[in-house]
N, C-alpha and C. Protein backbone atom coordinates (compact mmCIF):
# COMPACT_ATOMS: atom_id res chain seq x y z
N MET A 1 -25.42 111.47 -33.39
CA MET A 1 -26.43 110.60 -32.49
C MET A 1 -27.86 110.75 -33.18
N THR A 2 -27.96 111.40 -34.68
CA THR A 2 -29.10 110.83 -35.13
C THR A 2 -29.05 109.64 -36.35
N SER A 3 -28.06 109.22 -36.19
CA SER A 3 -27.25 107.94 -36.80
C SER A 3 -27.80 106.71 -35.75
N MET A 4 -27.94 107.01 -34.66
CA MET A 4 -28.29 106.08 -33.84
C MET A 4 -29.37 105.99 -33.91
N LEU A 5 -30.41 106.82 -33.58
CA LEU A 5 -31.49 107.33 -33.49
C LEU A 5 -32.34 106.16 -34.89
N SER A 6 -31.50 106.69 -35.97
CA SER A 6 -32.12 106.09 -37.60
C SER A 6 -32.00 104.85 -37.09
N GLY A 7 -30.96 103.94 -36.83
CA GLY A 7 -30.88 102.69 -37.01
C GLY A 7 -31.78 102.20 -35.86
N LYS A 8 -31.73 102.59 -35.23
CA LYS A 8 -32.87 101.85 -33.84
C LYS A 8 -34.11 102.12 -34.45
N PHE A 9 -34.69 102.86 -35.45
CA PHE A 9 -35.89 103.26 -35.28
C PHE A 9 -35.96 102.24 -36.97
N GLN A 10 -35.06 101.75 -37.77
CA GLN A 10 -35.28 100.93 -38.59
C GLN A 10 -35.59 99.47 -38.19
N THR A 11 -34.56 99.13 -37.35
CA THR A 11 -34.62 97.83 -36.63
C THR A 11 -35.95 97.83 -35.83
N GLN A 12 -36.43 98.84 -35.20
CA GLN A 12 -37.98 98.57 -34.99
C GLN A 12 -39.07 98.47 -35.99
N ARG A 13 -38.96 99.10 -36.93
CA ARG A 13 -40.13 99.01 -38.34
C ARG A 13 -39.49 97.53 -38.72
N GLY A 14 -38.44 97.30 -38.45
CA GLY A 14 -38.15 95.36 -38.82
C GLY A 14 -38.87 94.42 -38.46
N PHE A 15 -39.30 94.98 -36.92
CA PHE A 15 -39.92 94.10 -35.83
C PHE A 15 -41.55 95.02 -36.14
N MET A 16 -41.36 95.83 -36.35
CA MET A 16 -43.12 95.94 -36.33
C MET A 16 -43.91 94.82 -37.66
N LEU A 17 -42.51 94.90 -38.88
CA LEU A 17 -43.24 94.54 -39.77
C LEU A 17 -43.39 92.67 -39.36
N LEU A 18 -42.60 92.25 -39.11
CA LEU A 18 -42.46 90.81 -38.53
C LEU A 18 -43.67 90.48 -37.68
N ASP A 19 -43.88 91.63 -36.55
CA ASP A 19 -45.14 91.29 -36.21
C ASP A 19 -46.32 91.36 -36.51
N ALA A 20 -46.30 92.32 -37.88
CA ALA A 20 -47.61 92.28 -38.59
C ALA A 20 -47.73 91.06 -39.15
N LEU A 21 -46.40 90.61 -40.00
CA LEU A 21 -46.64 88.87 -40.52
C LEU A 21 -47.39 88.08 -39.57
N LEU A 22 -46.92 88.25 -38.61
CA LEU A 22 -46.90 86.95 -37.52
C LEU A 22 -48.29 86.87 -37.36
N GLY A 23 -49.05 88.32 -36.86
CA GLY A 23 -50.27 88.58 -36.29
C GLY A 23 -51.23 88.13 -37.68
N LEU A 24 -50.99 88.37 -38.73
CA LEU A 24 -51.43 87.67 -39.68
C LEU A 24 -51.86 86.31 -40.34
N ALA A 25 -50.13 85.68 -39.61
CA ALA A 25 -50.48 84.26 -40.20
C ALA A 25 -51.43 83.58 -38.97
N ILE A 26 -51.38 84.41 -37.85
CA ILE A 26 -52.00 83.62 -36.87
C ILE A 26 -53.82 83.55 -37.07
N VAL A 27 -54.17 84.84 -37.48
CA VAL A 27 -55.44 85.03 -38.04
C VAL A 27 -55.60 84.28 -39.09
N GLY A 28 -55.17 83.94 -40.04
CA GLY A 28 -54.86 82.99 -41.25
C GLY A 28 -55.48 81.43 -40.74
N VAL A 29 -54.25 81.58 -39.74
CA VAL A 29 -55.03 80.05 -39.43
C VAL A 29 -55.92 79.84 -38.61
N PHE A 30 -56.28 80.87 -37.82
CA PHE A 30 -57.89 80.92 -36.95
C PHE A 30 -58.80 80.39 -38.06
N VAL A 31 -58.98 81.51 -38.97
CA VAL A 31 -60.03 81.78 -39.73
C VAL A 31 -60.28 79.96 -40.87
N THR A 32 -59.23 79.54 -40.87
CA THR A 32 -59.08 78.31 -41.59
C THR A 32 -59.46 77.40 -41.04
N THR A 33 -59.00 77.22 -39.90
CA THR A 33 -59.57 76.14 -39.02
C THR A 33 -61.09 75.98 -38.79
N LEU A 34 -61.43 77.58 -38.38
CA LEU A 34 -62.96 78.13 -38.23
C LEU A 34 -63.85 77.51 -39.57
N LEU A 35 -63.27 77.92 -40.81
CA LEU A 35 -64.19 77.45 -41.77
C LEU A 35 -64.16 75.85 -41.99
N SER A 36 -63.42 75.29 -41.70
CA SER A 36 -63.12 73.82 -41.32
C SER A 36 -63.98 73.18 -40.64
N SER A 37 -64.00 73.68 -39.71
CA SER A 37 -65.05 73.08 -38.38
C SER A 37 -66.39 73.90 -38.86
N ILE A 38 -66.88 74.55 -39.43
CA ILE A 38 -68.18 74.79 -39.96
C ILE A 38 -68.86 73.75 -41.39
N SER A 39 -67.43 73.92 -42.22
CA SER A 39 -68.01 72.80 -42.94
C SER A 39 -68.10 71.47 -42.68
N THR A 40 -66.90 70.97 -41.69
CA THR A 40 -67.15 69.21 -41.28
C THR A 40 -69.04 69.47 -40.16
N GLY A 41 -69.36 70.01 -39.88
CA GLY A 41 -70.50 70.52 -39.04
C GLY A 41 -71.22 70.62 -39.92
N LEU A 42 -71.34 70.74 -40.89
CA LEU A 42 -72.93 71.11 -41.93
C LEU A 42 -72.62 69.92 -42.29
N ILE A 43 -71.68 68.96 -42.66
CA ILE A 43 -71.70 67.62 -43.20
C ILE A 43 -72.18 66.80 -42.46
N GLY A 44 -71.64 67.11 -41.25
CA GLY A 44 -72.39 66.31 -40.37
C GLY A 44 -73.96 66.10 -40.02
N LEU A 45 -74.60 67.17 -40.16
CA LEU A 45 -75.67 67.71 -40.03
C LEU A 45 -76.27 67.07 -40.88
N ARG A 46 -76.20 67.51 -42.30
CA ARG A 46 -76.70 66.80 -43.32
C ARG A 46 -77.09 65.07 -43.66
N THR A 47 -75.54 64.69 -42.77
CA THR A 47 -75.68 63.09 -42.80
C THR A 47 -76.93 62.37 -41.56
N SER A 48 -76.85 63.40 -40.46
CA SER A 48 -77.41 62.89 -39.38
C SER A 48 -79.05 62.81 -39.52
N GLU A 49 -79.12 63.93 -40.61
CA GLU A 49 -80.61 64.27 -40.66
C GLU A 49 -81.05 63.48 -42.09
N GLU A 50 -80.33 63.00 -42.70
CA GLU A 50 -80.50 61.35 -43.77
C GLU A 50 -80.84 60.50 -43.10
N VAL A 51 -80.22 60.06 -41.96
CA VAL A 51 -79.74 58.57 -41.56
C VAL A 51 -81.51 59.19 -40.26
N ALA A 52 -82.16 60.15 -39.90
CA ALA A 52 -82.78 60.15 -39.09
C ALA A 52 -84.23 59.99 -40.03
N ILE A 53 -84.11 60.50 -41.13
CA ILE A 53 -85.22 60.27 -42.54
C ILE A 53 -85.78 59.03 -42.64
N ALA A 54 -84.07 58.35 -43.08
CA ALA A 54 -84.07 56.62 -43.15
C ALA A 54 -84.71 55.92 -42.42
N GLU A 55 -84.73 56.47 -41.03
CA GLU A 55 -84.93 55.38 -39.79
C GLU A 55 -86.41 55.70 -39.29
N SER A 56 -86.59 56.52 -39.95
CA SER A 56 -88.29 56.70 -39.64
C SER A 56 -89.18 56.09 -40.74
N LEU A 57 -88.28 56.15 -42.13
CA LEU A 57 -89.15 55.38 -43.16
C LEU A 57 -89.08 54.27 -43.06
N GLU A 58 -87.78 53.27 -42.72
CA GLU A 58 -88.09 52.11 -42.54
C GLU A 58 -88.84 51.79 -41.30
N ARG A 59 -88.86 52.39 -40.13
CA ARG A 59 -89.94 52.17 -39.38
C ARG A 59 -91.22 51.77 -39.74
N SER A 60 -91.67 52.80 -40.87
CA SER A 60 -92.54 52.88 -41.35
C SER A 60 -93.00 51.78 -42.25
N GLN A 61 -91.92 51.66 -43.12
CA GLN A 61 -92.45 50.77 -43.42
C GLN A 61 -93.04 49.39 -43.19
N LEU A 62 -91.96 49.11 -41.76
CA LEU A 62 -91.40 47.92 -41.12
C LEU A 62 -93.72 47.55 -40.52
N GLU A 63 -93.82 48.65 -40.31
CA GLU A 63 -95.26 48.90 -39.57
C GLU A 63 -96.13 48.62 -40.42
N SER A 64 -96.13 49.45 -41.46
CA SER A 64 -96.93 49.07 -42.85
C SER A 64 -96.93 47.10 -42.96
N LEU A 65 -95.76 46.64 -43.46
CA LEU A 65 -95.93 45.45 -43.42
C LEU A 65 -96.44 44.62 -42.25
N LYS A 66 -96.57 44.95 -41.52
CA LYS A 66 -96.93 43.79 -40.13
C LYS A 66 -98.68 44.24 -40.46
N SER A 67 -98.86 45.32 -40.84
CA SER A 67 -100.57 45.50 -41.25
C SER A 67 -101.40 45.04 -42.36
N GLN A 68 -100.29 44.44 -43.04
CA GLN A 68 -100.75 43.97 -44.46
C GLN A 68 -100.49 42.36 -44.76
N ALA A 69 -101.81 41.97 -45.29
CA ALA A 69 -101.65 40.62 -45.32
C ALA A 69 -100.57 39.84 -46.07
N TYR A 70 -100.55 38.57 -45.14
CA TYR A 70 -99.50 37.70 -45.58
C TYR A 70 -99.29 37.63 -47.13
N LEU A 71 -98.16 37.81 -47.99
CA LEU A 71 -98.20 37.36 -48.96
C LEU A 71 -96.92 36.44 -49.50
N SER A 72 -97.19 34.99 -49.88
CA SER A 72 -95.86 34.14 -49.55
C SER A 72 -94.95 34.11 -50.60
N GLY A 73 -95.06 35.27 -51.43
CA GLY A 73 -94.33 34.90 -52.92
C GLY A 73 -94.02 36.47 -52.63
N GLY A 74 -94.15 37.51 -51.77
CA GLY A 74 -93.55 39.20 -51.47
C GLY A 74 -94.73 39.71 -52.21
N GLY A 75 -94.28 40.68 -52.78
CA GLY A 75 -95.39 41.84 -53.78
C GLY A 75 -95.42 42.71 -52.84
N TYR A 76 -95.51 43.04 -51.39
CA TYR A 76 -95.78 44.07 -50.31
C TYR A 76 -95.87 45.51 -50.87
N SER A 77 -96.79 46.25 -50.60
CA SER A 77 -96.83 47.95 -50.86
C SER A 77 -95.94 48.42 -50.38
N LEU A 78 -95.41 49.71 -51.09
CA LEU A 78 -94.51 50.32 -50.03
C LEU A 78 -95.29 51.79 -49.36
N VAL A 79 -94.58 52.50 -48.40
CA VAL A 79 -94.98 53.32 -48.14
C VAL A 79 -94.65 54.53 -49.01
N SER A 80 -95.18 55.76 -48.80
CA SER A 80 -94.66 56.77 -49.55
C SER A 80 -93.53 57.46 -48.95
N ALA A 81 -92.47 57.82 -49.86
CA ALA A 81 -91.36 58.39 -49.31
C ALA A 81 -91.34 59.92 -49.75
N PRO A 82 -90.40 60.73 -48.98
CA PRO A 82 -90.00 61.91 -49.09
C PRO A 82 -89.20 61.99 -50.50
N SER A 83 -89.12 63.14 -51.13
CA SER A 83 -88.86 63.78 -52.43
C SER A 83 -87.09 63.27 -52.35
N GLY A 84 -86.85 62.04 -53.16
CA GLY A 84 -85.07 61.66 -53.15
C GLY A 84 -85.16 60.74 -52.42
N TYR A 85 -86.01 59.87 -51.69
CA TYR A 85 -86.13 59.06 -51.06
C TYR A 85 -86.61 57.73 -51.42
N THR A 86 -86.53 56.35 -51.53
CA THR A 86 -87.61 55.40 -51.89
C THR A 86 -87.18 54.07 -51.33
N THR A 87 -88.21 53.61 -50.99
CA THR A 87 -88.08 52.19 -50.41
C THR A 87 -87.86 50.82 -50.69
N ALA A 88 -87.61 49.66 -50.86
CA ALA A 88 -87.39 48.63 -51.62
C ALA A 88 -87.21 47.39 -50.60
N VAL A 89 -88.51 46.45 -51.22
CA VAL A 89 -88.42 45.47 -50.01
C VAL A 89 -88.78 44.13 -50.48
N ALA A 90 -87.73 43.17 -49.90
CA ALA A 90 -87.05 42.18 -50.48
C ALA A 90 -87.74 40.91 -49.99
N VAL A 91 -87.92 39.55 -50.10
CA VAL A 91 -88.50 38.69 -49.42
C VAL A 91 -87.90 37.55 -49.54
N GLU A 92 -86.99 36.70 -48.17
CA GLU A 92 -86.36 36.01 -48.54
C GLU A 92 -87.04 34.49 -48.10
N SER A 93 -87.13 33.81 -48.18
CA SER A 93 -87.24 32.46 -47.59
C SER A 93 -86.27 31.91 -46.31
N ILE A 94 -87.03 31.50 -45.36
CA ILE A 94 -85.48 31.48 -44.24
C ILE A 94 -85.31 29.69 -44.24
N SER A 95 -83.95 29.29 -44.50
CA SER A 95 -83.76 27.67 -44.18
C SER A 95 -84.45 27.09 -43.65
N GLY A 96 -85.09 25.91 -44.09
CA GLY A 96 -85.81 25.13 -42.99
C GLY A 96 -87.03 25.48 -42.35
N VAL A 97 -87.44 26.24 -43.28
CA VAL A 97 -89.18 26.81 -42.51
C VAL A 97 -89.66 27.10 -43.40
N ASP A 98 -91.13 26.57 -43.52
CA ASP A 98 -92.19 26.79 -44.43
C ASP A 98 -92.06 28.20 -45.26
N PRO A 99 -91.95 28.02 -46.45
CA PRO A 99 -92.44 29.82 -46.77
C PRO A 99 -93.61 30.60 -46.74
N SER A 100 -94.48 29.45 -46.55
CA SER A 100 -95.77 29.81 -46.39
C SER A 100 -96.45 29.83 -44.83
N ALA A 101 -95.85 30.12 -43.86
CA ALA A 101 -95.75 30.12 -42.98
C ALA A 101 -94.76 31.24 -42.21
N MET A 102 -93.52 31.57 -42.75
CA MET A 102 -92.44 32.91 -42.16
C MET A 102 -91.52 32.85 -43.08
N GLN A 103 -91.80 34.30 -43.62
CA GLN A 103 -90.07 34.72 -44.10
C GLN A 103 -89.65 35.82 -43.35
N GLN A 104 -88.52 36.24 -44.35
CA GLN A 104 -87.00 37.17 -43.57
C GLN A 104 -88.12 38.02 -44.72
N VAL A 105 -88.19 39.65 -44.34
CA VAL A 105 -88.31 40.52 -45.23
C VAL A 105 -86.75 41.71 -44.62
N ALA A 106 -86.43 42.26 -45.78
CA ALA A 106 -85.31 43.27 -45.53
C ALA A 106 -86.06 44.29 -46.43
N VAL A 107 -85.79 45.72 -45.59
CA VAL A 107 -86.64 46.87 -46.18
C VAL A 107 -85.09 47.54 -46.00
N THR A 108 -85.22 48.47 -47.60
CA THR A 108 -83.63 48.87 -47.78
C THR A 108 -84.59 50.64 -48.53
N VAL A 109 -83.39 51.58 -47.12
CA VAL A 109 -83.82 52.69 -47.91
C VAL A 109 -82.78 53.33 -48.47
N PHE A 110 -83.42 54.11 -49.74
CA PHE A 110 -82.23 54.65 -50.64
C PHE A 110 -82.42 55.99 -50.34
N HIS A 111 -81.21 56.75 -50.72
CA HIS A 111 -81.43 58.11 -50.57
C HIS A 111 -80.43 59.11 -51.99
N ASN A 112 -81.42 59.32 -53.19
CA ASN A 112 -80.64 59.91 -54.45
C ASN A 112 -79.86 58.64 -54.59
N SER A 113 -80.41 57.14 -54.80
CA SER A 113 -79.97 56.06 -55.54
C SER A 113 -78.82 55.57 -54.78
N LYS A 114 -78.45 55.99 -53.29
CA LYS A 114 -77.80 55.53 -52.49
C LYS A 114 -78.34 55.10 -51.45
N VAL A 115 -77.86 53.62 -50.75
CA VAL A 115 -78.64 53.11 -49.86
C VAL A 115 -77.72 53.86 -48.57
N ILE A 116 -79.09 54.00 -48.05
CA ILE A 116 -78.76 54.13 -46.82
C ILE A 116 -78.74 53.48 -45.22
N ARG A 117 -79.89 52.67 -45.51
CA ARG A 117 -80.35 51.80 -44.24
C ARG A 117 -80.58 50.84 -45.03
N VAL A 118 -80.54 49.53 -44.49
CA VAL A 118 -81.11 48.35 -44.54
C VAL A 118 -81.48 47.46 -42.96
N ILE A 119 -82.58 47.13 -43.17
CA ILE A 119 -83.33 46.41 -41.85
C ILE A 119 -83.89 45.23 -42.03
N LYS A 120 -83.73 43.92 -41.44
CA LYS A 120 -83.96 42.99 -41.86
C LYS A 120 -84.65 42.27 -41.10
N ASN A 121 -86.28 41.71 -41.07
CA ASN A 121 -87.39 41.33 -39.79
C ASN A 121 -88.04 40.22 -40.23
N PHE A 122 -88.89 39.75 -39.46
CA PHE A 122 -90.00 38.80 -40.05
C PHE A 122 -91.04 38.62 -39.97
N LYS A 123 -91.46 38.26 -41.22
CA LYS A 123 -93.60 38.42 -41.53
C LYS A 123 -93.88 36.91 -40.95
N VAL A 124 -94.84 36.85 -40.19
CA VAL A 124 -95.01 35.18 -39.67
C VAL A 124 -96.66 35.05 -40.43
N ASN A 125 -97.64 34.39 -40.87
CA ASN A 125 -98.38 34.01 -41.55
C ASN A 125 -99.23 33.56 -40.18
N ARG A 126 -100.47 34.25 -40.17
CA ARG A 126 -100.94 34.60 -38.68
C ARG A 126 -102.74 34.67 -39.26
């Protein structure tokens, strides 16, 4: 009778070990998924913050361009940018249009030397 109980106990011990390993594997998958989700969320948050700052900066630069006097050769002044961000303004002539009357301006916003946004608009000599 003791040998039957001993064999049954050993079988149960094997199942307990298997249950523990299976539970540990499930918890490991859950924790890995959770950490991956948090990491992805933080990257997305950083990217959206970068784009929001760049959009605000380009709008400020366009408003500044509107208030500046028309310069047919370009050379418009730039708005001050937060640390790590820079702006550039490129003036392009428009085919078939007198450059002293209208020009296309492209505002480019950089963050750590990487282009974040580019927007083009027109400046008219009034």
